[in-house]
Amino acid sequence: MPARQGVKVWLPAALLAAGALVSTCQAPGTGIEVTSATGFVGDPESLLPGTWLRESKAEGVTTRRILVLGADHRFREAVRVVDATGRTADYAHEGTWLYDGTNLKRKYTSVNGQPPSRLNLPFATFQISFDSPREFRGVDHIHGNEIHYRRVASDTQL
């Protein structure tokens, strides 16, 4: 095949692929500079405030979590658990959060409407990385849990 015919075939395909890639891009948040497809430079802490959704399923149990991280470093978490028989249980938690440059740390001050035991004050710590300004992943190195949150509208319900 002559070189000219190869260009005729590959050029439209390359343009189509580039258009598809650009159409899925999301603008980064304030103070964030995109340096590559997955790298961001700036203040990751500025990306954290907002409403985040985490969904998981294991052994017939489905869990949906709405985590609201406030700019004032307070959080609210609503959780719905549906077991294999269809029974549901809802939980509501509150507390404070901080980001130390590597880890997102949450200290619970209310667990399902009750103050936690002083002897067993619950914390959640995840080493996080952003896949994009709209989603992040985390690892709890103590318990071996992996998480994935994606940003959702502030009025998202369980």
Protein backbone atom coordinates (compact mmCIF):
# COMPACT_ATOMS: atom_id res chain seq x y z
CA MET A 1 0.00 0.00 0.00
CA PRO A 2 1.47 3.38 -0.91
CA ALA A 3 2.30 5.73 1.94
CA ARG A 4 -0.40 8.20 0.85
CA GLN A 5 -3.18 5.64 1.25
CA GLY A 6 -1.87 4.74 4.74
CA VAL A 7 -2.16 8.39 5.77
CA LYS A 8 -5.74 8.52 4.46
CA VAL A 9 -6.69 5.56 6.67
CA TRP A 10 -4.79 6.46 9.85
CA LEU A 11 -5.41 10.22 9.93
CA PRO A 12 -9.23 9.98 10.38
CA ALA A 13 -8.78 7.22 12.97
CA ALA A 14 -6.25 9.31 14.90
CA LEU A 15 -8.55 12.35 14.82
CA LEU A 16 -11.48 10.25 16.03
CA ALA A 17 -9.41 8.84 18.91
CA ALA A 18 -8.18 12.32 19.90
CA GLY A 19 -11.76 13.65 19.87
CA ALA A 20 -12.92 10.81 22.12
CA LEU A 21 -10.07 11.49 24.55
CA VAL A 22 -10.76 15.23 24.71
CA SER A 23 -14.51 14.70 25.21
CA THR A 24 -13.85 12.73 28.44
CA CYS A 25 -11.50 15.29 29.98
CA GLN A 26 -12.66 17.16 33.07
CA ALA A 27 -11.28 20.50 34.09
CA PRO A 28 -9.16 20.35 37.22
CA GLY A 29 -10.11 22.31 40.31
CA THR A 30 -8.78 25.69 41.33
CA GLY A 31 -5.03 25.76 41.94
CA ILE A 32 -4.45 22.47 40.11
CA GLU A 33 -2.25 22.21 37.05
CA VAL A 34 -2.50 19.17 34.79
CA THR A 35 0.98 17.84 34.02
CA SER A 36 0.04 14.56 32.31
CA ALA A 37 -2.95 12.27 31.85
CA THR A 38 -2.89 11.24 35.52
CA GLY A 39 -0.57 13.70 37.27
CA PHE A 40 -1.66 16.87 39.05
CA VAL A 41 0.49 19.53 40.60
CA GLY A 42 -0.93 21.86 43.20
CA ASP A 43 -2.72 21.47 46.49
CA PRO A 44 -4.57 18.11 46.61
CA GLU A 45 -6.26 19.23 49.83
CA SER A 46 -8.17 21.84 47.81
CA LEU A 47 -9.75 18.98 45.81
CA LEU A 48 -11.12 17.17 48.86
CA PRO A 49 -14.02 19.38 50.03
CA GLY A 50 -17.26 18.27 48.41
CA THR A 51 -19.55 15.27 48.13
CA TRP A 52 -18.05 11.85 47.33
CA LEU A 53 -19.65 8.49 46.53
CA ARG A 54 -18.19 5.07 47.29
CA GLU A 55 -20.00 1.90 46.24
CA SER A 56 -18.90 -1.65 46.91
CA LYS A 57 -20.22 -5.19 46.78
CA ALA A 58 -18.79 -8.26 48.52
CA GLU A 59 -20.27 -11.61 49.46
CA GLY A 60 -23.80 -10.54 48.53
CA VAL A 61 -23.67 -7.33 50.58
CA THR A 62 -23.91 -3.98 48.77
CA THR A 63 -22.68 -0.82 50.49
CA ARG A 64 -23.22 2.75 49.33
CA ARG A 65 -21.50 5.63 51.14
CA ILE A 66 -21.99 9.35 50.69
CA LEU A 67 -19.08 11.26 52.26
CA VAL A 68 -19.31 15.04 52.55
CA LEU A 69 -15.99 16.69 53.34
CA GLY A 70 -16.53 20.29 54.42
CA ALA A 71 -14.11 23.13 53.78
CA ASP A 72 -14.22 23.63 57.58
CA HIS A 73 -12.62 20.14 57.98
CA ARG A 74 -15.79 18.54 59.30
CA PHE A 75 -17.34 15.52 57.59
CA ARG A 76 -20.67 13.72 57.38
CA GLU A 77 -20.97 10.15 56.15
CA ALA A 78 -24.23 8.40 55.27
CA VAL A 79 -24.07 4.65 54.71
CA ARG A 80 -26.64 2.19 53.36
CA VAL A 81 -25.97 -1.54 53.58
CA VAL A 82 -28.16 -4.02 51.69
CA ASP A 83 -27.65 -7.69 52.51
CA ALA A 84 -28.21 -10.69 50.22
CA THR A 85 -31.84 -11.01 51.36
CA GLY A 86 -32.61 -7.36 50.55
CA ARG A 87 -32.70 -6.08 54.13
CA THR A 88 -31.29 -2.57 54.48
CA ALA A 89 -29.61 -0.71 57.30
CA ASP A 90 -28.73 3.00 57.24
CA TYR A 91 -26.04 4.68 59.32
CA ALA A 92 -24.98 8.31 59.81
CA HIS A 93 -21.59 9.39 61.12
CA GLU A 94 -19.85 12.72 61.71
CA GLY A 95 -16.45 13.99 62.67
CA THR A 96 -13.42 15.95 61.57
CA TRP A 97 -10.97 15.33 58.75
CA LEU A 98 -7.47 16.37 57.80
CA TYR A 99 -5.08 15.75 54.93
CA ASP A 100 -1.41 15.52 55.91
CA GLY A 101 -0.03 15.59 52.37
CA THR A 102 -0.28 11.80 51.98
CA ASN A 103 -3.16 10.52 54.09
CA LEU A 104 -6.81 11.47 54.41
CA LYS A 105 -7.58 11.04 58.10
CA ARG A 106 -11.06 11.04 59.63
CA LYS A 107 -11.78 11.16 63.36
CA TYR A 108 -15.34 10.12 64.20
CA THR A 109 -17.12 12.24 66.83
CA SER A 110 -20.56 10.67 66.24
CA VAL A 111 -21.23 7.08 65.19
CA ASN A 112 -24.83 6.57 64.14
CA GLY A 113 -25.93 9.49 66.30
CA GLN A 114 -24.01 8.45 69.40
CA PRO A 115 -20.64 9.65 70.69
CA PRO A 116 -18.01 6.93 70.32
CA SER A 117 -16.49 5.22 73.33
CA ARG A 118 -13.53 7.12 74.75
CA LEU A 119 -11.69 3.82 75.00
CA ASN A 120 -12.10 3.06 71.31
CA LEU A 121 -12.18 6.38 69.43
CA PRO A 122 -12.66 5.48 65.75
CA PHE A 123 -10.30 6.82 63.11
CA ALA A 124 -10.08 6.07 59.39
CA THR A 125 -6.78 6.72 57.62
CA PHE A 126 -6.21 6.17 53.91
CA GLN A 127 -3.15 6.97 51.84
CA ILE A 128 -4.82 8.62 48.85
CA SER A 129 -3.99 9.49 45.26
CA PHE A 130 -6.13 11.30 42.72
CA ASP A 131 -7.01 9.58 39.44
CA SER A 132 -8.52 12.91 38.34
CA PRO A 133 -9.87 15.98 40.12
CA ARG A 134 -13.17 14.07 40.36
CA GLU A 135 -12.00 10.75 41.81
CA PHE A 136 -9.47 9.38 44.24
CA ARG A 137 -8.29 6.02 45.49
CA GLY A 138 -6.98 5.11 48.88
CA VAL A 139 -5.34 2.31 50.83
CA ASP A 140 -5.68 1.59 54.53
CA HIS A 141 -2.32 -0.05 55.20
CA ILE A 142 -3.36 -1.26 58.67
CA HIS A 143 -6.47 -3.21 57.61
CA GLY A 144 -5.58 -3.71 53.93
CA ASN A 145 -8.75 -2.00 52.65
CA GLU A 146 -8.78 -0.26 49.28
CA ILE A 147 -11.28 2.47 48.47
CA HIS A 148 -12.41 4.41 45.42
CA TYR A 149 -14.45 7.61 45.70
CA ARG A 150 -15.89 9.73 42.91
CA ARG A 151 -17.25 13.26 43.20
CA VAL A 152 -21.04 13.56 42.91
CA ALA A 153 -23.62 16.32 43.14
CA SER A 154 -24.19 17.70 46.65
CA ASP A 155 -27.83 16.51 46.60
CA THR A 156 -26.93 12.85 45.92
CA GLN A 157 -28.93 10.46 48.12
CA LEU A 158 -28.34 6.95 49.35
